[in-house]
Amino acid sequence: MSENNDAGNKSMSEAATRAVQKKLPQGSWLCVCGRVNTEVTGTCVCGIKKKDARAVVIEKKRKDAELHQQVLNKKRKEIREKQFQTADPDIIDILREYRELLDSGVLTKEEFEKKKNEWLELTR
């Protein structure tokens, strides 16, 4: 490969990397630098070992999954907050009273959750 081509491979976009991975010949592996190596090649010319390249891919997938979960949790929280903001003010007061009963020990956590869910179900 030419030097210009190497520079282009090092800055491969994630979409381009996925596209290349789908078209890889059987048994070959894609290095983090962007080069496609044969199955028998243990170390890419850039110096990255096959097992290290796989570890990088696994770590990236783990981080992507973690980020995805964070985004989902944020969206769910926003939806819950929006639902709570649009809830009937009387229900909010009732839920606050139940919370005070929970905090004072009159209600158990299970009783509080049951009552809360009953009232929230009425708002749907």
PDB file of N, CA and C in Angstrom:
ATOM      1  N   MET A   1       0.840  -1.188   0.000  1.00  0.00           N
ATOM      2  CA  MET A   1       0.000   0.000   0.000  1.00  0.00           C
ATOM      3  C   MET A   1       0.876   1.238   0.000  1.00  0.00           C
ATOM      4  N   SER A   2       0.366   2.282  -0.561  1.00  0.00           N
ATOM      5  CA  SER A   2       1.122   3.531  -0.558  1.00  0.00           C
ATOM      6  C   SER A   2       0.934   4.230   0.779  1.00  0.00           C
ATOM      7  N   GLU A   3       1.767   5.214   1.045  1.00  0.00           N
ATOM      8  CA  GLU A   3       1.680   5.921   2.317  1.00  0.00           C
ATOM      9  C   GLU A   3       0.367   6.677   2.441  1.00  0.00           C
ATOM     10  N   ASN A   4      -0.119   7.262   1.344  1.00  0.00           N
ATOM     11  CA  ASN A   4      -1.402   7.968   1.377  1.00  0.00           C
ATOM     12  C   ASN A   4      -2.533   7.021   1.715  1.00  0.00           C
ATOM     13  N   ASN A   5      -2.453   5.827   1.148  1.00  0.00           N
ATOM     14  CA  ASN A   5      -3.480   4.838   1.401  1.00  0.00           C
ATOM     15  C   ASN A   5      -3.459   4.413   2.866  1.00  0.00           C
ATOM     16  N   ASP A   6      -2.264   4.279   3.445  1.00  0.00           N
ATOM     17  CA  ASP A   6      -2.140   3.918   4.857  1.00  0.00           C
ATOM     18  C   ASP A   6      -2.782   4.973   5.741  1.00  0.00           C
ATOM     19  N   ALA A   7      -2.549   6.228   5.440  1.00  0.00           N
ATOM     20  CA  ALA A   7      -3.124   7.314   6.236  1.00  0.00           C
ATOM     21  C   ALA A   7      -4.642   7.267   6.159  1.00  0.00           C
ATOM     22  N   GLY A   8      -5.175   6.953   5.002  1.00  0.00           N
ATOM     23  CA  GLY A   8      -6.622   6.847   4.846  1.00  0.00           C
ATOM     24  C   GLY A   8      -7.179   5.705   5.658  1.00  0.00           C
ATOM     25  N   ASN A   9      -6.455   4.579   5.698  1.00  0.00           N
ATOM     26  CA  ASN A   9      -6.913   3.437   6.472  1.00  0.00           C
ATOM     27  C   ASN A   9      -6.901   3.725   7.963  1.00  0.00           C
ATOM     28  N   LYS A  10      -5.926   4.484   8.442  1.00  0.00           N
ATOM     29  CA  LYS A  10      -5.833   4.773   9.866  1.00  0.00           C
ATOM     30  C   LYS A  10      -6.992   5.632  10.338  1.00  0.00           C
ATOM     31  N   SER A  11      -7.579   6.378   9.441  1.00  0.00           N
ATOM     32  CA  SER A  11      -8.686   7.236   9.837  1.00  0.00           C
ATOM     33  C   SER A  11     -10.019   6.716   9.312  1.00  0.00           C
ATOM     34  N   MET A  12     -10.107   5.388   9.173  1.00  0.00           N
ATOM     35  CA  MET A  12     -11.358   4.796   8.684  1.00  0.00           C
ATOM     36  C   MET A  12     -12.503   5.126   9.634  1.00  0.00           C
ATOM     37  N   SER A  13     -13.615   5.474   9.051  1.00  0.00           N
ATOM     38  CA  SER A  13     -14.780   5.746   9.894  1.00  0.00           C
ATOM     39  C   SER A  13     -15.330   4.429  10.417  1.00  0.00           C
ATOM     40  N   GLU A  14     -16.151   4.518  11.437  1.00  0.00           N
ATOM     41  CA  GLU A  14     -16.742   3.314  12.018  1.00  0.00           C
ATOM     42  C   GLU A  14     -17.618   2.592  10.997  1.00  0.00           C
ATOM     43  N   ALA A  15     -18.372   3.345  10.207  1.00  0.00           N
ATOM     44  CA  ALA A  15     -19.227   2.740   9.191  1.00  0.00           C
ATOM     45  C   ALA A  15     -18.386   2.026   8.136  1.00  0.00           C
ATOM     46  N   ALA A  16     -17.286   2.648   7.742  1.00  0.00           N
ATOM     47  CA  ALA A  16     -16.410   2.027   6.752  1.00  0.00           C
ATOM     48  C   ALA A  16     -15.786   0.759   7.322  1.00  0.00           C
ATOM     49  N   THR A  17     -15.416   0.796   8.582  1.00  0.00           N
ATOM     50  CA  THR A  17     -14.839  -0.383   9.227  1.00  0.00           C
ATOM     51  C   THR A  17     -15.839  -1.524   9.239  1.00  0.00           C
ATOM     52  N   ARG A  18     -17.095  -1.238   9.583  1.00  0.00           N
ATOM     53  CA  ARG A  18     -18.125  -2.281   9.578  1.00  0.00           C
ATOM     54  C   ARG A  18     -18.340  -2.840   8.189  1.00  0.00           C
ATOM     55  N   ALA A  19     -18.325  -1.972   7.185  1.00  0.00           N
ATOM     56  CA  ALA A  19     -18.518  -2.422   5.816  1.00  0.00           C
ATOM     57  C   ALA A  19     -17.381  -3.343   5.393  1.00  0.00           C
ATOM     58  N   VAL A  20     -16.162  -2.990   5.756  1.00  0.00           N
ATOM     59  CA  VAL A  20     -15.009  -3.823   5.414  1.00  0.00           C
ATOM     60  C   VAL A  20     -15.091  -5.148   6.142  1.00  0.00           C
ATOM     61  N   GLN A  21     -15.485  -5.136   7.417  1.00  0.00           N
ATOM     62  CA  GLN A  21     -15.567  -6.367   8.192  1.00  0.00           C
ATOM     63  C   GLN A  21     -16.575  -7.339   7.592  1.00  0.00           C
ATOM     64  N   LYS A  22     -17.664  -6.817   7.055  1.00  0.00           N
ATOM     65  CA  LYS A  22     -18.671  -7.679   6.441  1.00  0.00           C
ATOM     66  C   LYS A  22     -18.145  -8.346   5.176  1.00  0.00           C
ATOM     67  N   LYS A  23     -17.210  -7.693   4.490  1.00  0.00           N
ATOM     68  CA  LYS A  23     -16.695  -8.206   3.222  1.00  0.00           C
ATOM     69  C   LYS A  23     -15.346  -8.905   3.372  1.00  0.00           C
ATOM     70  N   LEU A  24     -14.896  -9.141   4.589  1.00  0.00           N
ATOM     71  CA  LEU A  24     -13.604  -9.780   4.800  1.00  0.00           C
ATOM     72  C   LEU A  24     -13.616 -11.207   4.271  1.00  0.00           C
ATOM     73  N   PRO A  25     -12.529 -11.634   3.638  1.00  0.00           N
ATOM     74  CA  PRO A  25     -12.432 -13.035   3.225  1.00  0.00           C
ATOM     75  C   PRO A  25     -12.491 -13.941   4.452  1.00  0.00           C
ATOM     76  N   GLN A  26     -12.961 -15.154   4.270  1.00  0.00           N
ATOM     77  CA  GLN A  26     -13.096 -16.113   5.364  1.00  0.00           C
ATOM     78  C   GLN A  26     -11.767 -16.263   6.106  1.00  0.00           C
ATOM     79  N   GLY A  27     -11.795 -16.116   7.419  1.00  0.00           N
ATOM     80  CA  GLY A  27     -10.622 -16.326   8.243  1.00  0.00           C
ATOM     81  C   GLY A  27      -9.714 -15.120   8.392  1.00  0.00           C
ATOM     82  N   SER A  28      -9.919 -14.071   7.641  1.00  0.00           N
ATOM     83  CA  SER A  28      -9.049 -12.902   7.757  1.00  0.00           C
ATOM     84  C   SER A  28      -9.523 -12.017   8.905  1.00  0.00           C
ATOM     85  N   TRP A  29      -8.692 -11.064   9.286  1.00  0.00           N
ATOM     86  CA  TRP A  29      -9.047 -10.174  10.393  1.00  0.00           C
ATOM     87  C   TRP A  29      -8.665  -8.749  10.060  1.00  0.00           C
ATOM     88  N   LEU A  30      -9.425  -7.833  10.612  1.00  0.00           N
ATOM     89  CA  LEU A  30      -9.221  -6.411  10.372  1.00  0.00           C
ATOM     90  C   LEU A  30      -8.488  -5.818  11.562  1.00  0.00           C
ATOM     91  N   CYS A  31      -7.342  -5.223  11.302  1.00  0.00           N
ATOM     92  CA  CYS A  31      -6.561  -4.589  12.351  1.00  0.00           C
ATOM     93  C   CYS A  31      -7.187  -3.237  12.699  1.00  0.00           C
ATOM     94  N   VAL A  32      -6.867  -2.724  13.863  1.00  0.00           N
ATOM     95  CA  VAL A  32      -7.383  -1.417  14.266  1.00  0.00           C
ATOM     96  C   VAL A  32      -6.842  -0.302  13.374  1.00  0.00           C
ATOM     97  N   CYS A  33      -5.740  -0.564  12.668  1.00  0.00           N
ATOM     98  CA  CYS A  33      -5.194   0.441  11.754  1.00  0.00           C
ATOM     99  C   CYS A  33      -5.947   0.459  10.431  1.00  0.00           C
ATOM    100  N   GLY A  34      -6.785  -0.570  10.188  1.00  0.00           N
ATOM    101  CA  GLY A  34      -7.589  -0.615   8.974  1.00  0.00           C
ATOM    102  C   GLY A  34      -7.122  -1.642   7.957  1.00  0.00           C
ATOM    103  N   ARG A  35      -5.982  -2.247   8.172  1.00  0.00           N
ATOM    104  CA  ARG A  35      -5.477  -3.245   7.231  1.00  0.00           C
ATOM    105  C   ARG A  35      -6.186  -4.573   7.427  1.00  0.00           C
ATOM    106  N   VAL A  36      -6.406  -5.268   6.319  1.00  0.00           N
ATOM    107  CA  VAL A  36      -6.971  -6.607   6.348  1.00  0.00           C
ATOM    108  C   VAL A  36      -5.805  -7.584   6.314  1.00  0.00           C
ATOM    109  N   ASN A  37      -5.783  -8.504   7.273  1.00  0.00           N
ATOM    110  CA  ASN A  37      -4.702  -9.484   7.376  1.00  0.00           C
ATOM    111  C   ASN A  37      -5.261 -10.886   7.185  1.00  0.00           C
ATOM    112  N   THR A  38      -4.420 -11.791   6.671  1.00  0.00           N
ATOM    113  CA  THR A  38      -4.848 -13.176   6.480  1.00  0.00           C
ATOM    114  C   THR A  38      -4.936 -13.865   7.829  1.00  0.00           C
ATOM    115  N   GLU A  39      -5.574 -15.010   7.832  1.00  0.00           N
ATOM    116  CA  GLU A  39      -5.773 -15.760   9.067  1.00  0.00           C
ATOM    117  C   GLU A  39      -4.447 -16.161   9.709  1.00  0.00           C
ATOM    118  N   VAL A  40      -3.453 -16.467   8.895  1.00  0.00           N
ATOM    119  CA  VAL A  40      -2.166 -16.934   9.422  1.00  0.00           C
ATOM    120  C   VAL A  40      -1.275 -15.796   9.905  1.00  0.00           C
ATOM    121  N   THR A  41      -1.636 -14.549   9.589  1.00  0.00           N
ATOM    122  CA  THR A  41      -0.851 -13.408  10.036  1.00  0.00           C
ATOM    123  C   THR A  41      -1.167 -13.151  11.502  1.00  0.00           C
ATOM    124  N   GLY A  42      -0.158 -13.285  12.351  1.00  0.00           N
ATOM    125  CA  GLY A  42      -0.354 -13.085  13.778  1.00  0.00           C
ATOM    126  C   GLY A  42      -0.192 -11.645  14.197  1.00  0.00           C
ATOM    127  N   THR A  43       0.633 -10.895  13.437  1.00  0.00           N
ATOM    128  CA  THR A  43       0.894  -9.498  13.760  1.00  0.00           C
ATOM    129  C   THR A  43       0.793  -8.679  12.481  1.00  0.00           C
ATOM    130  N   CYS A  44       0.037  -7.602  12.538  1.00  0.00           N
ATOM    131  CA  CYS A  44      -0.117  -6.696  11.398  1.00  0.00           C
ATOM    132  C   CYS A  44       1.204  -5.952  11.184  1.00  0.00           C
ATOM    133  N   VAL A  45       1.415  -5.419   9.982  1.00  0.00           N
ATOM    134  CA  VAL A  45       2.641  -4.665   9.713  1.00  0.00           C
ATOM    135  C   VAL A  45       2.737  -3.416  10.593  1.00  0.00           C
ATOM    136  N   CYS A  46       1.630  -2.964  11.138  1.00  0.00           N
ATOM    137  CA  CYS A  46       1.674  -1.794  12.026  1.00  0.00           C
ATOM    138  C   CYS A  46       2.154  -2.173  13.427  1.00  0.00           C
ATOM    139  N   GLY A  47       2.258  -3.489  13.707  1.00  0.00           N
ATOM    140  CA  GLY A  47       2.746  -3.945  14.998  1.00  0.00           C
ATOM    141  C   GLY A  47       1.671  -4.445  15.948  1.00  0.00           C
ATOM    142  N   ILE A  48       0.410  -4.305  15.588  1.00  0.00           N
ATOM    143  CA  ILE A  48      -0.690  -4.766  16.439  1.00  0.00           C
ATOM    144  C   ILE A  48      -0.872  -6.270  16.235  1.00  0.00           C
ATOM    145  N   LYS A  49      -0.941  -7.010  17.349  1.00  0.00           N
ATOM    146  CA  LYS A  49      -1.150  -8.450  17.276  1.00  0.00           C
ATOM    147  C   LYS A  49      -2.633  -8.738  17.097  1.00  0.00           C
ATOM    148  N   LYS A  50      -2.903  -9.873  16.469  1.00  0.00           N
ATOM    149  CA  LYS A  50      -4.278 -10.279  16.181  1.00  0.00           C
ATOM    150  C   LYS A  50      -5.122 -10.300  17.459  1.00  0.00           C
ATOM    151  N   LYS A  51      -4.591 -10.888  18.528  1.00  0.00           N
ATOM    152  CA  LYS A  51      -5.355 -10.982  19.779  1.00  0.00           C
ATOM    153  C   LYS A  51      -5.605  -9.598  20.376  1.00  0.00           C
ATOM    154  N   ASP A  52      -4.637  -8.683  20.217  1.00  0.00           N
ATOM    155  CA  ASP A  52      -4.808  -7.324  20.736  1.00  0.00           C
ATOM    156  C   ASP A  52      -5.867  -6.567  19.939  1.00  0.00           C
ATOM    157  N   ALA A  53      -5.895  -6.793  18.625  1.00  0.00           N
ATOM    158  CA  ALA A  53      -6.906  -6.144  17.780  1.00  0.00           C
ATOM    159  C   ALA A  53      -8.294  -6.617  18.180  1.00  0.00           C
ATOM    160  N   ARG A  54      -8.420  -7.900  18.478  1.00  0.00           N
ATOM    161  CA  ARG A  54      -9.719  -8.439  18.915  1.00  0.00           C
ATOM    162  C   ARG A  54     -10.114  -7.846  20.262  1.00  0.00           C
ATOM    163  N   ALA A  55      -9.141  -7.698  21.157  1.00  0.00           N
ATOM    164  CA  ALA A  55      -9.421  -7.120  22.470  1.00  0.00           C
ATOM    165  C   ALA A  55      -9.916  -5.684  22.329  1.00  0.00           C
ATOM    166  N   VAL A  56      -9.336  -4.937  21.396  1.00  0.00           N
ATOM    167  CA  VAL A  56      -9.763  -3.562  21.156  1.00  0.00           C
ATOM    168  C   VAL A  56     -11.208  -3.552  20.655  1.00  0.00           C
ATOM    169  N   VAL A  57     -11.537  -4.466  19.749  1.00  0.00           N
ATOM    170  CA  VAL A  57     -12.898  -4.541  19.203  1.00  0.00           C
ATOM    171  C   VAL A  57     -13.890  -4.910  20.302  1.00  0.00           C
ATOM    172  N   ILE A  58     -13.524  -5.872  21.136  1.00  0.00           N
ATOM    173  CA  ILE A  58     -14.412  -6.289  22.227  1.00  0.00           C
ATOM    174  C   ILE A  58     -14.638  -5.132  23.202  1.00  0.00           C
ATOM    175  N   GLU A  59     -13.578  -4.424  23.548  1.00  0.00           N
ATOM    176  CA  GLU A  59     -13.696  -3.291  24.463  1.00  0.00           C
ATOM    177  C   GLU A  59     -14.571  -2.191  23.865  1.00  0.00           C
ATOM    178  N   LYS A  60     -14.416  -1.956  22.562  1.00  0.00           N
ATOM    179  CA  LYS A  60     -15.220  -0.935  21.890  1.00  0.00           C
ATOM    180  C   LYS A  60     -16.697  -1.333  21.909  1.00  0.00           C
ATOM    181  N   LYS A  61     -16.978  -2.601  21.653  1.00  0.00           N
ATOM    182  CA  LYS A  61     -18.374  -3.067  21.689  1.00  0.00           C
ATOM    183  C   LYS A  61     -18.955  -2.913  23.091  1.00  0.00           C
ATOM    184  N   ARG A  62     -18.136  -3.210  24.119  1.00  0.00           N
ATOM    185  CA  ARG A  62     -18.604  -3.064  25.493  1.00  0.00           C
ATOM    186  C   ARG A  62     -18.918  -1.605  25.794  1.00  0.00           C
ATOM    187  N   LYS A  63     -18.022  -0.715  25.371  1.00  0.00           N
ATOM    188  CA  LYS A  63     -18.244   0.718  25.603  1.00  0.00           C
ATOM    189  C   LYS A  63     -19.458   1.219  24.835  1.00  0.00           C
ATOM    190  N   ASP A  64     -19.636   0.735  23.598  1.00  0.00           N
ATOM    191  CA  ASP A  64     -20.800   1.126  22.804  1.00  0.00           C
ATOM    192  C   ASP A  64     -22.092   0.677  23.490  1.00  0.00           C
ATOM    193  N   ALA A  65     -22.087  -0.551  24.011  1.00  0.00           N
ATOM    194  CA  ALA A  65     -23.269  -1.065  24.709  1.00  0.00           C
ATOM    195  C   ALA A  65     -23.554  -0.256  25.968  1.00  0.00           C
ATOM    196  N   GLU A  66     -22.489   0.103  26.676  1.00  0.00           N
ATOM    197  CA  GLU A  66     -22.638   0.912  27.883  1.00  0.00           C
ATOM    198  C   GLU A  66     -23.210   2.293  27.550  1.00  0.00           C
ATOM    199  N   LEU A  67     -22.692   2.900  26.506  1.00  0.00           N
ATOM    200  CA  LEU A  67     -23.186   4.205  26.072  1.00  0.00           C
ATOM    201  C   LEU A  67     -24.649   4.110  25.640  1.00  0.00           C
ATOM    202  N   HIS A  68     -24.973   3.054  24.908  1.00  0.00           N
ATOM    203  CA  HIS A  68     -26.354   2.842  24.465  1.00  0.00           C
ATOM    204  C   HIS A  68     -27.284   2.732  25.677  1.00  0.00           C
ATOM    205  N   GLN A  69     -26.843   1.991  26.695  1.00  0.00           N
ATOM    206  CA  GLN A  69     -27.656   1.833  27.902  1.00  0.00           C
ATOM    207  C   GLN A  69     -27.835   3.168  28.617  1.00  0.00           C
ATOM    208  N   GLN A  70     -26.789   3.987  28.655  1.00  0.00           N
ATOM    209  CA  GLN A  70     -26.884   5.298  29.282  1.00  0.00           C
ATOM    210  C   GLN A  70     -27.889   6.175  28.541  1.00  0.00           C
ATOM    211  N   VAL A  71     -27.858   6.130  27.209  1.00  0.00           N
ATOM    212  CA  VAL A  71     -28.804   6.919  26.411  1.00  0.00           C
ATOM    213  C   VAL A  71     -30.228   6.447  26.679  1.00  0.00           C
ATOM    214  N   LEU A  72     -30.428   5.118  26.708  1.00  0.00           N
ATOM    215  CA  LEU A  72     -31.762   4.586  26.995  1.00  0.00           C
ATOM    216  C   LEU A  72     -32.241   5.011  28.380  1.00  0.00           C
ATOM    217  N   ASN A  73     -31.366   4.918  29.364  1.00  0.00           N
ATOM    218  CA  ASN A  73     -31.748   5.319  30.724  1.00  0.00           C
ATOM    219  C   ASN A  73     -32.111   6.791  30.781  1.00  0.00           C
ATOM    220  N   LYS A  74     -31.370   7.626  30.069  1.00  0.00           N
ATOM    221  CA  LYS A  74     -31.660   9.058  30.044  1.00  0.00           C
ATOM    222  C   LYS A  74     -33.030   9.313  29.409  1.00  0.00           C
ATOM    223  N   LYS A  75     -33.297   8.627  28.291  1.00  0.00           N
ATOM    224  CA  LYS A  75     -34.596   8.791  27.621  1.00  0.00           C
ATOM    225  C   LYS A  75     -35.731   8.336  28.533  1.00  0.00           C
ATOM    226  N   ARG A  76     -35.541   7.187  29.202  1.00  0.00           N
ATOM    227  CA  ARG A  76     -36.579   6.687  30.108  1.00  0.00           C
ATOM    228  C   ARG A  76     -36.836   7.674  31.246  1.00  0.00           C
ATOM    229  N   LYS A  77     -35.741   8.248  31.775  1.00  0.00           N
ATOM    230  CA  LYS A  77     -35.881   9.216  32.857  1.00  0.00           C
ATOM    231  C   LYS A  77     -36.648  10.447  32.383  1.00  0.00           C
ATOM    232  N   GLU A  78     -36.318  10.929  31.175  1.00  0.00           N
ATOM    233  CA  GLU A  78     -37.020  12.083  30.613  1.00  0.00           C
ATOM    234  C   GLU A  78     -38.503  11.790  30.446  1.00  0.00           C
ATOM    235  N   ILE A  79     -38.829  10.589  29.987  1.00  0.00           N
ATOM    236  CA  ILE A  79     -40.228  10.208  29.794  1.00  0.00           C
ATOM    237  C   ILE A  79     -40.945  10.164  31.140  1.00  0.00           C
ATOM    238  N   ARG A  80     -40.287   9.558  32.153  1.00  0.00           N
ATOM    239  CA  ARG A  80     -40.914   9.496  33.490  1.00  0.00           C
ATOM    240  C   ARG A  80     -41.134  10.893  34.058  1.00  0.00           C
ATOM    241  N   GLU A  81     -40.136  11.769  33.890  1.00  0.00           N
ATOM    242  CA  GLU A  81     -40.269  13.134  34.404  1.00  0.00           C
ATOM    243  C   GLU A  81     -41.387  13.878  33.688  1.00  0.00           C
ATOM    244  N   LYS A  82     -41.480  13.670  32.385  1.00  0.00           N
ATOM    245  CA  LYS A  82     -42.537  14.332  31.618  1.00  0.00           C
ATOM    246  C   LYS A  82     -43.908  13.819  32.064  1.00  0.00           C
ATOM    247  N   GLN A  83     -44.019  12.500  32.277  1.00  0.00           N
ATOM    248  CA  GLN A  83     -45.283  11.939  32.740  1.00  0.00           C
ATOM    249  C   GLN A  83     -45.637  12.495  34.117  1.00  0.00           C
ATOM    250  N   PHE A  84     -44.641  12.626  34.972  1.00  0.00           N
ATOM    251  CA  PHE A  84     -44.883  13.131  36.320  1.00  0.00           C
ATOM    252  C   PHE A  84     -45.293  14.598  36.277  1.00  0.00           C
ATOM    253  N   GLN A  85     -44.681  15.372  35.390  1.00  0.00           N
ATOM    254  CA  GLN A  85     -45.009  16.792  35.283  1.00  0.00           C
ATOM    255  C   GLN A  85     -46.415  17.003  34.748  1.00  0.00           C
ATOM    256  N   THR A  86     -46.878  16.078  33.920  1.00  0.00           N
ATOM    257  CA  THR A  86     -48.222  16.215  33.351  1.00  0.00           C
ATOM    258  C   THR A  86     -49.280  15.517  34.201  1.00  0.00           C
ATOM    259  N   ALA A  87     -48.863  14.882  35.301  1.00  0.00           N
ATOM    260  CA  ALA A  87     -49.810  14.182  36.159  1.00  0.00           C
ATOM    261  C   ALA A  87     -50.710  15.181  36.875  1.00  0.00           C
ATOM    262  N   ASP A  88     -51.843  14.688  37.286  1.00  0.00           N
ATOM    263  CA  ASP A  88     -52.824  15.474  38.021  1.00  0.00           C
ATOM    264  C   ASP A  88     -52.209  15.943  39.347  1.00  0.00           C
ATOM    265  N   PRO A  89     -52.288  17.242  39.649  1.00  0.00           N
ATOM    266  CA  PRO A  89     -51.697  17.759  40.897  1.00  0.00           C
ATOM    267  C   PRO A  89     -52.222  17.053  42.143  1.00  0.00           C
ATOM    268  N   ASP A  90     -53.500  16.635  42.122  1.00  0.00           N
ATOM    269  CA  ASP A  90     -54.054  15.936  43.284  1.00  0.00           C
ATOM    270  C   ASP A  90     -53.326  14.615  43.510  1.00  0.00           C
ATOM    271  N   ILE A  91     -53.008  13.911  42.436  1.00  0.00           N
ATOM    272  CA  ILE A  91     -52.303  12.636  42.555  1.00  0.00           C
ATOM    273  C   ILE A  91     -50.892  12.867  43.093  1.00  0.00           C
ATOM    274  N   ILE A  92     -50.267  13.931  42.651  1.00  0.00           N
ATOM    275  CA  ILE A  92     -48.925  14.257  43.152  1.00  0.00           C
ATOM    276  C   ILE A  92     -48.969  14.472  44.656  1.00  0.00           C
ATOM    277  N   ASP A  93     -49.991  15.201  45.129  1.00  0.00           N
ATOM    278  CA  ASP A  93     -50.135  15.428  46.568  1.00  0.00           C
ATOM    279  C   ASP A  93     -50.368  14.124  47.314  1.00  0.00           C
ATOM    280  N   ILE A  94     -51.190  13.263  46.730  1.00  0.00           N
ATOM    281  CA  ILE A  94     -51.474  11.968  47.362  1.00  0.00           C
ATOM    282  C   ILE A  94     -50.192  11.143  47.450  1.00  0.00           C
ATOM    283  N   LEU A  95     -49.422  11.136  46.362  1.00  0.00           N
ATOM    284  CA  LEU A  95     -48.172  10.377  46.364  1.00  0.00           C
ATOM    285  C   LEU A  95     -47.183  10.941  47.382  1.00  0.00           C
ATOM    286  N   ARG A  96     -47.167  12.258  47.540  1.00  0.00           N
ATOM    287  CA  ARG A  96     -46.301  12.872  48.553  1.00  0.00           C
ATOM    288  C   ARG A  96     -46.709  12.429  49.962  1.00  0.00           C
ATOM    289  N   GLU A  97     -48.031  12.353  50.178  1.00  0.00           N
ATOM    290  CA  GLU A  97     -48.517  11.914  51.485  1.00  0.00           C
ATOM    291  C   GLU A  97     -48.112  10.466  51.754  1.00  0.00           C
ATOM    292  N   TYR A  98     -48.232   9.616  50.722  1.00  0.00           N
ATOM    293  CA  TYR A  98     -47.812   8.223  50.875  1.00  0.00           C
ATOM    294  C   TYR A  98     -46.307   8.153  51.154  1.00  0.00           C
ATOM    295  N   ARG A  99     -45.558   9.005  50.508  1.00  0.00           N
ATOM    296  CA  ARG A  99     -44.107   9.020  50.722  1.00  0.00           C
ATOM    297  C   ARG A  99     -43.777   9.426  52.169  1.00  0.00           C
ATOM    298  N   GLU A 100     -44.523  10.389  52.679  1.00  0.00           N
ATOM    299  CA  GLU A 100     -44.317  10.808  54.067  1.00  0.00           C
ATOM    300  C   GLU A 100     -44.639   9.661  55.027  1.00  0.00           C
ATOM    301  N   LEU A 101     -45.699   8.896  54.690  1.00  0.00           N
ATOM    302  CA  LEU A 101     -46.043   7.739  55.523  1.00  0.00           C
ATOM    303  C   LEU A 101     -44.942   6.678  55.462  1.00  0.00           C
ATOM    304  N   LEU A 102     -44.365   6.505  54.291  1.00  0.00           N
ATOM    305  CA  LEU A 102     -43.247   5.575  54.144  1.00  0.00           C
ATOM    306  C   LEU A 102     -42.048   6.044  54.963  1.00  0.00           C
ATOM    307  N   ASP A 103     -41.722   7.328  54.825  1.00  0.00           N
ATOM    308  CA  ASP A 103     -40.571   7.881  55.538  1.00  0.00           C
ATOM    309  C   ASP A 103     -40.741   7.812  57.053  1.00  0.00           C
ATOM    310  N   SER A 104     -41.983   7.935  57.513  1.00  0.00           N
ATOM    311  CA  SER A 104     -42.227   7.892  58.958  1.00  0.00           C
ATOM    312  C   SER A 104     -42.365   6.466  59.483  1.00  0.00           C
ATOM    313  N   GLY A 105     -42.366   5.477  58.591  1.00  0.00           N
ATOM    314  CA  GLY A 105     -42.421   4.076  59.010  1.00  0.00           C
ATOM    315  C   GLY A 105     -43.813   3.499  59.109  1.00  0.00           C
ATOM    316  N   VAL A 106     -44.841   4.278  58.763  1.00  0.00           N
ATOM    317  CA  VAL A 106     -46.213   3.787  58.835  1.00  0.00           C
ATOM    318  C   VAL A 106     -46.459   2.779  57.718  1.00  0.00           C
ATOM    319  N   LEU A 107     -45.899   3.040  56.539  1.00  0.00           N
ATOM    320  CA  LEU A 107     -46.024   2.125  55.404  1.00  0.00           C
ATOM    321  C   LEU A 107     -44.695   1.427  55.147  1.00  0.00           C
ATOM    322  N   THR A 108     -44.785   0.179  54.667  1.00  0.00           N
ATOM    323  CA  THR A 108     -43.572  -0.507  54.231  1.00  0.00           C
ATOM    324  C   THR A 108     -43.284  -0.086  52.791  1.00  0.00           C
ATOM    325  N   LYS A 109     -42.083  -0.388  52.349  1.00  0.00           N
ATOM    326  CA  LYS A 109     -41.690  -0.061  50.966  1.00  0.00           C
ATOM    327  C   LYS A 109     -42.646  -0.737  49.973  1.00  0.00           C
ATOM    328  N   GLU A 110     -43.006  -1.988  50.235  1.00  0.00           N
ATOM    329  CA  GLU A 110     -43.904  -2.739  49.353  1.00  0.00           C
ATOM    330  C   GLU A 110     -45.291  -2.098  49.305  1.00  0.00           C
ATOM    331  N   GLU A 111     -45.790  -1.687  50.474  1.00  0.00           N
ATOM    332  CA  GLU A 111     -47.103  -1.039  50.516  1.00  0.00           C
ATOM    333  C   GLU A 111     -47.074   0.284  49.761  1.00  0.00           C
ATOM    334  N   PHE A 112     -45.995   1.036  49.959  1.00  0.00           N
ATOM    335  CA  PHE A 112     -45.863   2.312  49.258  1.00  0.00           C
ATOM    336  C   PHE A 112     -45.838   2.096  47.737  1.00  0.00           C
ATOM    337  N   GLU A 113     -45.025   1.145  47.279  1.00  0.00           N
ATOM    338  CA  GLU A 113     -44.922   0.873  45.839  1.00  0.00           C
ATOM    339  C   GLU A 113     -46.276   0.437  45.271  1.00  0.00           C
ATOM    340  N   LYS A 114     -46.990  -0.385  46.020  1.00  0.00           N
ATOM    341  CA  LYS A 114     -48.308  -0.849  45.565  1.00  0.00           C
ATOM    342  C   LYS A 114     -49.271   0.331  45.404  1.00  0.00           C
ATOM    343  N   LYS A 115     -49.321   1.187  46.422  1.00  0.00           N
ATOM    344  CA  LYS A 115     -50.216   2.355  46.360  1.00  0.00           C
ATOM    345  C   LYS A 115     -49.785   3.314  45.238  1.00  0.00           C
ATOM    346  N   LYS A 116     -48.493   3.534  45.138  1.00  0.00           N
ATOM    347  CA  LYS A 116     -47.985   4.433  44.102  1.00  0.00           C
ATOM    348  C   LYS A 116     -48.383   3.918  42.723  1.00  0.00           C
ATOM    349  N   ASN A 117     -48.178   2.613  42.493  1.00  0.00           N
ATOM    350  CA  ASN A 117     -48.519   2.038  41.192  1.00  0.00           C
ATOM    351  C   ASN A 117     -50.012   2.094  40.916  1.00  0.00           C
ATOM    352  N   GLU A 118     -50.823   1.912  41.951  1.00  0.00           N
ATOM    353  CA  GLU A 118     -52.283   2.014  41.782  1.00  0.00           C
ATOM    354  C   GLU A 118     -52.660   3.419  41.305  1.00  0.00           C
ATOM    355  N   TRP A 119     -52.112   4.435  41.959  1.00  0.00           N
ATOM    356  CA  TRP A 119     -52.455   5.811  41.595  1.00  0.00           C
ATOM    357  C   TRP A 119     -51.892   6.196  40.230  1.00  0.00           C
ATOM    358  N   LEU A 120     -50.690   5.740  39.953  1.00  0.00           N
ATOM    359  CA  LEU A 120     -50.100   6.063  38.642  1.00  0.00           C
ATOM    360  C   LEU A 120     -50.849   5.355  37.515  1.00  0.00           C
ATOM    361  N   GLU A 121     -51.366   4.194  37.802  1.00  0.00           N
ATOM    362  CA  GLU A 121     -52.145   3.461  36.799  1.00  0.00           C
ATOM    363  C   GLU A 121     -53.423   4.233  36.458  1.00  0.00           C
ATOM    364  N   LEU A 122     -53.976   4.936  37.423  1.00  0.00           N
ATOM    365  CA  LEU A 122     -55.193   5.730  37.181  1.00  0.00           C
ATOM    366  C   LEU A 122     -54.945   6.893  36.223  1.00  0.00           C
ATOM    367  N   THR A 123     -53.694   7.353  36.152  1.00  0.00           N
ATOM    368  CA  THR A 123     -53.386   8.497  35.304  1.00  0.00           C
ATOM    369  C   THR A 123     -53.169   8.112  33.843  1.00  0.00           C
ATOM    370  N   ARG A 124     -53.095   6.831  33.579  1.00  0.00           N
ATOM    371  CA  ARG A 124     -52.816   6.387  32.195  1.00  0.00           C
ATOM    372  C   ARG A 124     -54.059   6.223  31.388  1.00  0.00           C
TER     373      ARG A 124
END
